[in-house]
Amino acid sequence: MPDGVETCTDPFATLRFSTAIPPLKLSLTWLSFQSGDPYAFTDQQRVASITWTLPPAADGGSYPVDFTLDDIRLIPIPH
């Protein structure tokens, strides 16, 4: 974290969809990930991990879904 920075949050992308017929293919560019602090955008040279997070279920229970993440590729930004 840079000197003088008190908070650090990772850039993120939010996906919203109500139904999906498997397989569902999603593609996100590096510029899709925003709102980080102190860095607003993702620097592809500094990615150390990737996390998937689901918001809490509306009823406080679990989601009635099953999903698999597969064939994840990190593609460089063209120069």
PDB file of N, CA and C in Angstrom:
ATOM      1  N   MET A   1       0.852  -1.167   0.000  1.00  0.00           N
ATOM      2  CA  MET A   1       0.000   0.000   0.000  1.00  0.00           C
ATOM      3  C   MET A   1       0.902   1.235   0.000  1.00  0.00           C
ATOM      4  N   PRO A   2       0.574   2.238  -0.807  1.00  0.00           N
ATOM      5  CA  PRO A   2       1.393   3.455  -0.854  1.00  0.00           C
ATOM      6  C   PRO A   2       1.411   4.183   0.490  1.00  0.00           C
ATOM      7  N   ASP A   3       2.495   4.899   0.747  1.00  0.00           N
ATOM      8  CA  ASP A   3       2.599   5.691   1.976  1.00  0.00           C
ATOM      9  C   ASP A   3       1.445   6.667   2.093  1.00  0.00           C
ATOM     10  N   GLY A   4       0.910   6.816   3.296  1.00  0.00           N
ATOM     11  CA  GLY A   4      -0.162   7.773   3.547  1.00  0.00           C
ATOM     12  C   GLY A   4      -1.551   7.265   3.211  1.00  0.00           C
ATOM     13  N   VAL A   5      -1.662   6.063   2.671  1.00  0.00           N
ATOM     14  CA  VAL A   5      -2.970   5.498   2.329  1.00  0.00           C
ATOM     15  C   VAL A   5      -3.478   4.701   3.518  1.00  0.00           C
ATOM     16  N   GLU A   6      -4.696   5.016   3.965  1.00  0.00           N
ATOM     17  CA  GLU A   6      -5.245   4.359   5.144  1.00  0.00           C
ATOM     18  C   GLU A   6      -6.213   3.226   4.808  1.00  0.00           C
ATOM     19  N   THR A   7      -6.777   3.237   3.615  1.00  0.00           N
ATOM     20  CA  THR A   7      -7.694   2.171   3.233  1.00  0.00           C
ATOM     21  C   THR A   7      -7.243   1.552   1.919  1.00  0.00           C
ATOM     22  N   CYS A   8      -7.620   0.315   1.729  1.00  0.00           N
ATOM     23  CA  CYS A   8      -7.273  -0.360   0.493  1.00  0.00           C
ATOM     24  C   CYS A   8      -8.426  -1.293   0.133  1.00  0.00           C
ATOM     25  N   THR A   9      -9.057  -1.043  -1.009  1.00  0.00           N
ATOM     26  CA  THR A   9     -10.109  -1.923  -1.501  1.00  0.00           C
ATOM     27  C   THR A   9      -9.779  -2.294  -2.937  1.00  0.00           C
ATOM     28  N   ASP A  10     -10.087  -3.512  -3.276  1.00  0.00           N
ATOM     29  CA  ASP A  10      -9.786  -4.007  -4.616  1.00  0.00           C
ATOM     30  C   ASP A  10     -10.823  -3.536  -5.618  1.00  0.00           C
ATOM     31  N   PRO A  11     -10.404  -3.286  -6.854  1.00  0.00           N
ATOM     32  CA  PRO A  11     -11.375  -3.011  -7.909  1.00  0.00           C
ATOM     33  C   PRO A  11     -12.259  -4.246  -8.094  1.00  0.00           C
ATOM     34  N   PHE A  12     -13.504  -4.044  -8.497  1.00  0.00           N
ATOM     35  CA  PHE A  12     -14.427  -5.162  -8.668  1.00  0.00           C
ATOM     36  C   PHE A  12     -15.352  -4.928  -9.844  1.00  0.00           C
ATOM     37  N   ALA A  13     -15.975  -5.992 -10.300  1.00  0.00           N
ATOM     38  CA  ALA A  13     -16.995  -5.933 -11.353  1.00  0.00           C
ATOM     39  C   ALA A  13     -18.237  -6.617 -10.796  1.00  0.00           C
ATOM     40  N   THR A  14     -19.393  -6.052 -11.065  1.00  0.00           N
ATOM     41  CA  THR A  14     -20.658  -6.626 -10.606  1.00  0.00           C
ATOM     42  C   THR A  14     -21.412  -7.182 -11.796  1.00  0.00           C
ATOM     43  N   LEU A  15     -21.814  -8.421 -11.692  1.00  0.00           N
ATOM     44  CA  LEU A  15     -22.603  -9.063 -12.734  1.00  0.00           C
ATOM     45  C   LEU A  15     -24.011  -9.284 -12.206  1.00  0.00           C
ATOM     46  N   ARG A  16     -24.990  -8.954 -13.020  1.00  0.00           N
ATOM     47  CA  ARG A  16     -26.386  -9.147 -12.627  1.00  0.00           C
ATOM     48  C   ARG A  16     -27.094  -9.923 -13.728  1.00  0.00           C
ATOM     49  N   PHE A  17     -27.704 -11.023 -13.351  1.00  0.00           N
ATOM     50  CA  PHE A  17     -28.524 -11.785 -14.278  1.00  0.00           C
ATOM     51  C   PHE A  17     -29.522 -12.592 -13.456  1.00  0.00           C
ATOM     52  N   SER A  18     -30.690 -12.797 -14.021  1.00  0.00           N
ATOM     53  CA  SER A  18     -31.736 -13.485 -13.271  1.00  0.00           C
ATOM     54  C   SER A  18     -31.853 -14.955 -13.643  1.00  0.00           C
ATOM     55  N   THR A  19     -31.584 -15.291 -14.876  1.00  0.00           N
ATOM     56  CA  THR A  19     -31.637 -16.695 -15.279  1.00  0.00           C
ATOM     57  C   THR A  19     -30.464 -16.986 -16.194  1.00  0.00           C
ATOM     58  N   ALA A  20     -30.053 -18.199 -16.173  1.00  0.00           N
ATOM     59  CA  ALA A  20     -28.948 -18.606 -17.040  1.00  0.00           C
ATOM     60  C   ALA A  20     -29.204 -20.032 -17.507  1.00  0.00           C
ATOM     61  N   ILE A  21     -28.993 -20.254 -18.777  1.00  0.00           N
ATOM     62  CA  ILE A  21     -29.098 -21.599 -19.320  1.00  0.00           C
ATOM     63  C   ILE A  21     -27.668 -22.076 -19.535  1.00  0.00           C
ATOM     64  N   PRO A  22     -27.234 -23.053 -18.762  1.00  0.00           N
ATOM     65  CA  PRO A  22     -25.838 -23.496 -18.873  1.00  0.00           C
ATOM     66  C   PRO A  22     -25.512 -23.984 -20.274  1.00  0.00           C
ATOM     67  N   PRO A  23     -24.292 -23.832 -20.738  1.00  0.00           N
ATOM     68  CA  PRO A  23     -23.265 -23.028 -20.079  1.00  0.00           C
ATOM     69  C   PRO A  23     -23.409 -21.554 -20.418  1.00  0.00           C
ATOM     70  N   LEU A  24     -23.203 -20.715 -19.468  1.00  0.00           N
ATOM     71  CA  LEU A  24     -23.250 -19.269 -19.655  1.00  0.00           C
ATOM     72  C   LEU A  24     -21.813 -18.775 -19.756  1.00  0.00           C
ATOM     73  N   LYS A  25     -21.466 -18.146 -20.861  1.00  0.00           N
ATOM     74  CA  LYS A  25     -20.114 -17.647 -21.068  1.00  0.00           C
ATOM     75  C   LYS A  25     -20.094 -16.146 -20.819  1.00  0.00           C
ATOM     76  N   LEU A  26     -19.227 -15.714 -19.923  1.00  0.00           N
ATOM     77  CA  LEU A  26     -19.076 -14.298 -19.616  1.00  0.00           C
ATOM     78  C   LEU A  26     -17.662 -13.867 -19.962  1.00  0.00           C
ATOM     79  N   SER A  27     -17.536 -12.674 -20.501  1.00  0.00           N
ATOM     80  CA  SER A  27     -16.226 -12.102 -20.800  1.00  0.00           C
ATOM     81  C   SER A  27     -16.171 -10.701 -20.218  1.00  0.00           C
ATOM     82  N   LEU A  28     -15.140 -10.446 -19.439  1.00  0.00           N
ATOM     83  CA  LEU A  28     -14.941  -9.130 -18.837  1.00  0.00           C
ATOM     84  C   LEU A  28     -13.568  -8.623 -19.229  1.00  0.00           C
ATOM     85  N   THR A  29     -13.470  -7.354 -19.548  1.00  0.00           N
ATOM     86  CA  THR A  29     -12.166  -6.753 -19.828  1.00  0.00           C
ATOM     87  C   THR A  29     -11.579  -6.234 -18.519  1.00  0.00           C
ATOM     88  N   TRP A  30     -10.298  -5.956 -18.537  1.00  0.00           N
ATOM     89  CA  TRP A  30      -9.664  -5.401 -17.336  1.00  0.00           C
ATOM     90  C   TRP A  30     -10.331  -4.089 -16.924  1.00  0.00           C
ATOM     91  N   LEU A  31     -10.830  -3.325 -17.897  1.00  0.00           N
ATOM     92  CA  LEU A  31     -11.480  -2.049 -17.570  1.00  0.00           C
ATOM     93  C   LEU A  31     -12.857  -2.245 -16.948  1.00  0.00           C
ATOM     94  N   SER A  32     -13.375  -3.475 -16.928  1.00  0.00           N
ATOM     95  CA  SER A  32     -14.650  -3.760 -16.265  1.00  0.00           C
ATOM     96  C   SER A  32     -14.511  -3.686 -14.751  1.00  0.00           C
ATOM     97  N   PHE A  33     -13.291  -3.833 -14.247  1.00  0.00           N
ATOM     98  CA  PHE A  33     -13.047  -3.836 -12.810  1.00  0.00           C
ATOM     99  C   PHE A  33     -12.667  -2.427 -12.376  1.00  0.00           C
ATOM    100  N   GLN A  34     -13.530  -1.812 -11.556  1.00  0.00           N
ATOM    101  CA  GLN A  34     -13.340  -0.420 -11.156  1.00  0.00           C
ATOM    102  C   GLN A  34     -13.623  -0.241  -9.671  1.00  0.00           C
ATOM    103  N   SER A  35     -13.532   0.978  -9.225  1.00  0.00           N
ATOM    104  CA  SER A  35     -13.903   1.411  -7.872  1.00  0.00           C
ATOM    105  C   SER A  35     -12.949   0.945  -6.782  1.00  0.00           C
ATOM    106  N   GLY A  36     -11.700   0.633  -7.138  1.00  0.00           N
ATOM    107  CA  GLY A  36     -10.726   0.308  -6.107  1.00  0.00           C
ATOM    108  C   GLY A  36     -10.222   1.563  -5.426  1.00  0.00           C
ATOM    109  N   ASP A  37      -9.575   1.402  -4.288  1.00  0.00           N
ATOM    110  CA  ASP A  37      -9.026   2.537  -3.553  1.00  0.00           C
ATOM    111  C   ASP A  37      -7.725   2.079  -2.894  1.00  0.00           C
ATOM    112  N   PRO A  38      -6.592   2.620  -3.180  1.00  0.00           N
ATOM    113  CA  PRO A  38      -6.333   3.890  -3.834  1.00  0.00           C
ATOM    114  C   PRO A  38      -6.230   3.796  -5.352  1.00  0.00           C
ATOM    115  N   TYR A  39      -6.278   2.584  -5.928  1.00  0.00           N
ATOM    116  CA  TYR A  39      -6.190   2.446  -7.376  1.00  0.00           C
ATOM    117  C   TYR A  39      -7.576   2.138  -7.926  1.00  0.00           C
ATOM    118  N   ALA A  40      -8.132   3.025  -8.729  1.00  0.00           N
ATOM    119  CA  ALA A  40      -9.509   2.869  -9.209  1.00  0.00           C
ATOM    120  C   ALA A  40      -9.670   1.710 -10.185  1.00  0.00           C
ATOM    121  N   PHE A  41      -8.648   1.416 -10.962  1.00  0.00           N
ATOM    122  CA  PHE A  41      -8.733   0.374 -11.982  1.00  0.00           C
ATOM    123  C   PHE A  41      -7.734  -0.739 -11.696  1.00  0.00           C
ATOM    124  N   THR A  42      -7.940  -1.871 -12.312  1.00  0.00           N
ATOM    125  CA  THR A  42      -7.057  -3.015 -12.145  1.00  0.00           C
ATOM    126  C   THR A  42      -5.793  -2.832 -12.969  1.00  0.00           C
ATOM    127  N   ASP A  43      -4.659  -3.020 -12.317  1.00  0.00           N
ATOM    128  CA  ASP A  43      -3.377  -3.041 -13.011  1.00  0.00           C
ATOM    129  C   ASP A  43      -3.048  -4.512 -13.228  1.00  0.00           C
ATOM    130  N   GLN A  44      -3.135  -4.970 -14.468  1.00  0.00           N
ATOM    131  CA  GLN A  44      -2.958  -6.399 -14.752  1.00  0.00           C
ATOM    132  C   GLN A  44      -1.604  -6.935 -14.288  1.00  0.00           C
ATOM    133  N   GLN A  45      -0.628  -6.071 -14.116  1.00  0.00           N
ATOM    134  CA  GLN A  45       0.691  -6.506 -13.654  1.00  0.00           C
ATOM    135  C   GLN A  45       0.720  -6.758 -12.146  1.00  0.00           C
ATOM    136  N   ARG A  46      -0.323  -6.312 -11.418  1.00  0.00           N
ATOM    137  CA  ARG A  46      -0.324  -6.420  -9.964  1.00  0.00           C
ATOM    138  C   ARG A  46      -1.365  -7.406  -9.430  1.00  0.00           C
ATOM    139  N   VAL A  47      -2.049  -8.122 -10.304  1.00  0.00           N
ATOM    140  CA  VAL A  47      -3.068  -9.063  -9.854  1.00  0.00           C
ATOM    141  C   VAL A  47      -2.381 -10.214  -9.114  1.00  0.00           C
ATOM    142  N   ALA A  48      -2.777 -10.423  -7.859  1.00  0.00           N
ATOM    143  CA  ALA A  48      -2.200 -11.489  -7.042  1.00  0.00           C
ATOM    144  C   ALA A  48      -3.230 -12.576  -6.736  1.00  0.00           C
ATOM    145  N   SER A  49      -4.510 -12.232  -6.845  1.00  0.00           N
ATOM    146  CA  SER A  49      -5.558 -13.223  -6.594  1.00  0.00           C
ATOM    147  C   SER A  49      -6.864 -12.737  -7.206  1.00  0.00           C
ATOM    148  N   ILE A  50      -7.784 -13.666  -7.357  1.00  0.00           N
ATOM    149  CA  ILE A  50      -9.119 -13.350  -7.869  1.00  0.00           C
ATOM    150  C   ILE A  50     -10.126 -13.981  -6.913  1.00  0.00           C
ATOM    151  N   THR A  51     -11.170 -13.237  -6.573  1.00  0.00           N
ATOM    152  CA  THR A  51     -12.178 -13.709  -5.634  1.00  0.00           C
ATOM    153  C   THR A  51     -13.562 -13.529  -6.234  1.00  0.00           C
ATOM    154  N   TRP A  52     -14.429 -14.507  -6.033  1.00  0.00           N
ATOM    155  CA  TRP A  52     -15.827 -14.398  -6.432  1.00  0.00           C
ATOM    156  C   TRP A  52     -16.641 -14.321  -5.153  1.00  0.00           C
ATOM    157  N   THR A  53     -17.545 -13.340  -5.080  1.00  0.00           N
ATOM    158  CA  THR A  53     -18.352 -13.144  -3.889  1.00  0.00           C
ATOM    159  C   THR A  53     -19.810 -13.007  -4.285  1.00  0.00           C
ATOM    160  N   LEU A  54     -20.677 -13.702  -3.582  1.00  0.00           N
ATOM    161  CA  LEU A  54     -22.118 -13.538  -3.770  1.00  0.00           C
ATOM    162  C   LEU A  54     -22.653 -12.712  -2.614  1.00  0.00           C
ATOM    163  N   PRO A  55     -23.565 -11.777  -2.884  1.00  0.00           N
ATOM    164  CA  PRO A  55     -24.161 -11.029  -1.776  1.00  0.00           C
ATOM    165  C   PRO A  55     -25.003 -11.977  -0.927  1.00  0.00           C
ATOM    166  N   PRO A  56     -25.271 -11.630   0.326  1.00  0.00           N
ATOM    167  CA  PRO A  56     -26.096 -12.495   1.164  1.00  0.00           C
ATOM    168  C   PRO A  56     -27.466 -12.737   0.516  1.00  0.00           C
ATOM    169  N   ALA A  57     -27.989 -13.937   0.674  1.00  0.00           N
ATOM    170  CA  ALA A  57     -29.320 -14.257   0.154  1.00  0.00           C
ATOM    171  C   ALA A  57     -30.355 -13.391   0.867  1.00  0.00           C
ATOM    172  N   ALA A  58     -31.384 -12.986   0.153  1.00  0.00           N
ATOM    173  CA  ALA A  58     -32.405 -12.083   0.701  1.00  0.00           C
ATOM    174  C   ALA A  58     -33.031 -12.630   1.977  1.00  0.00           C
ATOM    175  N   ASP A  59     -33.208 -13.952   2.061  1.00  0.00           N
ATOM    176  CA  ASP A  59     -33.848 -14.532   3.246  1.00  0.00           C
ATOM    177  C   ASP A  59     -32.842 -14.925   4.322  1.00  0.00           C
ATOM    178  N   GLY A  60     -31.566 -14.609   4.109  1.00  0.00           N
ATOM    179  CA  GLY A  60     -30.536 -14.943   5.084  1.00  0.00           C
ATOM    180  C   GLY A  60     -30.079 -16.388   4.999  1.00  0.00           C
ATOM    181  N   GLY A  61     -30.677 -17.175   4.104  1.00  0.00           N
ATOM    182  CA  GLY A  61     -30.319 -18.583   3.947  1.00  0.00           C
ATOM    183  C   GLY A  61     -29.292 -18.770   2.855  1.00  0.00           C
ATOM    184  N   SER A  62     -29.470 -19.815   2.087  1.00  0.00           N
ATOM    185  CA  SER A  62     -28.549 -20.102   1.003  1.00  0.00           C
ATOM    186  C   SER A  62     -29.237 -19.882  -0.339  1.00  0.00           C
ATOM    187  N   TYR A  63     -28.436 -19.874  -1.396  1.00  0.00           N
ATOM    188  CA  TYR A  63     -28.961 -19.707  -2.745  1.00  0.00           C
ATOM    189  C   TYR A  63     -29.409 -21.060  -3.299  1.00  0.00           C
ATOM    190  N   PRO A  64     -30.510 -21.088  -4.035  1.00  0.00           N
ATOM    191  CA  PRO A  64     -30.953 -22.338  -4.660  1.00  0.00           C
ATOM    192  C   PRO A  64     -30.279 -22.538  -6.026  1.00  0.00           C
ATOM    193  N   VAL A  65     -28.964 -22.417  -6.067  1.00  0.00           N
ATOM    194  CA  VAL A  65     -28.228 -22.536  -7.327  1.00  0.00           C
ATOM    195  C   VAL A  65     -27.010 -23.424  -7.140  1.00  0.00           C
ATOM    196  N   ASP A  66     -26.479 -23.864  -8.246  1.00  0.00           N
ATOM    197  CA  ASP A  66     -25.240 -24.619  -8.291  1.00  0.00           C
ATOM    198  C   ASP A  66     -24.474 -24.087  -9.489  1.00  0.00           C
ATOM    199  N   PHE A  67     -23.226 -23.692  -9.305  1.00  0.00           N
ATOM    200  CA  PHE A  67     -22.477 -23.184 -10.441  1.00  0.00           C
ATOM    201  C   PHE A  67     -21.033 -23.636 -10.367  1.00  0.00           C
ATOM    202  N   THR A  68     -20.415 -23.636 -11.536  1.00  0.00           N
ATOM    203  CA  THR A  68     -19.016 -24.027 -11.673  1.00  0.00           C
ATOM    204  C   THR A  68     -18.294 -22.941 -12.454  1.00  0.00           C
ATOM    205  N   LEU A  69     -17.127 -22.566 -11.979  1.00  0.00           N
ATOM    206  CA  LEU A  69     -16.264 -21.635 -12.708  1.00  0.00           C
ATOM    207  C   LEU A  69     -15.198 -22.474 -13.386  1.00  0.00           C
ATOM    208  N   ASP A  70     -15.062 -22.296 -14.700  1.00  0.00           N
ATOM    209  CA  ASP A  70     -14.157 -23.144 -15.449  1.00  0.00           C
ATOM    210  C   ASP A  70     -13.523 -22.348 -16.592  1.00  0.00           C
ATOM    211  N   ASP A  71     -12.353 -22.754 -16.981  1.00  0.00           N
ATOM    212  CA  ASP A  71     -11.668 -22.180 -18.137  1.00  0.00           C
ATOM    213  C   ASP A  71     -11.481 -20.669 -17.997  1.00  0.00           C
ATOM    214  N   ILE A  72     -10.954 -20.247 -16.863  1.00  0.00           N
ATOM    215  CA  ILE A  72     -10.725 -18.834 -16.589  1.00  0.00           C
ATOM    216  C   ILE A  72      -9.407 -18.426 -17.239  1.00  0.00           C
ATOM    217  N   ARG A  73      -9.441 -17.358 -18.023  1.00  0.00           N
ATOM    218  CA  ARG A  73      -8.246 -16.879 -18.719  1.00  0.00           C
ATOM    219  C   ARG A  73      -8.024 -15.405 -18.409  1.00  0.00           C
ATOM    220  N   LEU A  74      -6.790 -15.065 -18.147  1.00  0.00           N
ATOM    221  CA  LEU A  74      -6.406 -13.676 -17.965  1.00  0.00           C
ATOM    222  C   LEU A  74      -5.695 -13.250 -19.244  1.00  0.00           C
ATOM    223  N   ILE A  75      -6.309 -12.357 -19.975  1.00  0.00           N
ATOM    224  CA  ILE A  75      -5.802 -11.951 -21.286  1.00  0.00           C
ATOM    225  C   ILE A  75      -5.192 -10.547 -21.152  1.00  0.00           C
ATOM    226  N   PRO A  76      -3.963 -10.351 -21.593  1.00  0.00           N
ATOM    227  CA  PRO A  76      -3.321  -9.044 -21.445  1.00  0.00           C
ATOM    228  C   PRO A  76      -4.057  -7.940 -22.209  1.00  0.00           C
ATOM    229  N   ILE A  77      -3.902  -6.737 -21.689  1.00  0.00           N
ATOM    230  CA  ILE A  77      -4.430  -5.561 -22.378  1.00  0.00           C
ATOM    231  C   ILE A  77      -3.515  -5.279 -23.549  1.00  0.00           C
ATOM    232  N   PRO A  78      -4.065  -5.153 -24.777  1.00  0.00           N
ATOM    233  CA  PRO A  78      -3.200  -4.848 -25.920  1.00  0.00           C
ATOM    234  C   PRO A  78      -2.600  -3.445 -25.802  1.00  0.00           C
ATOM    235  N   HIS A  79      -1.396  -3.302 -26.266  1.00  0.00           N
ATOM    236  CA  HIS A  79      -0.716  -1.984 -26.201  1.00  0.00           C
ATOM    237  C   HIS A  79      -0.797  -1.286 -27.524  1.00  0.00           C
TER     238      HIS A  79
END
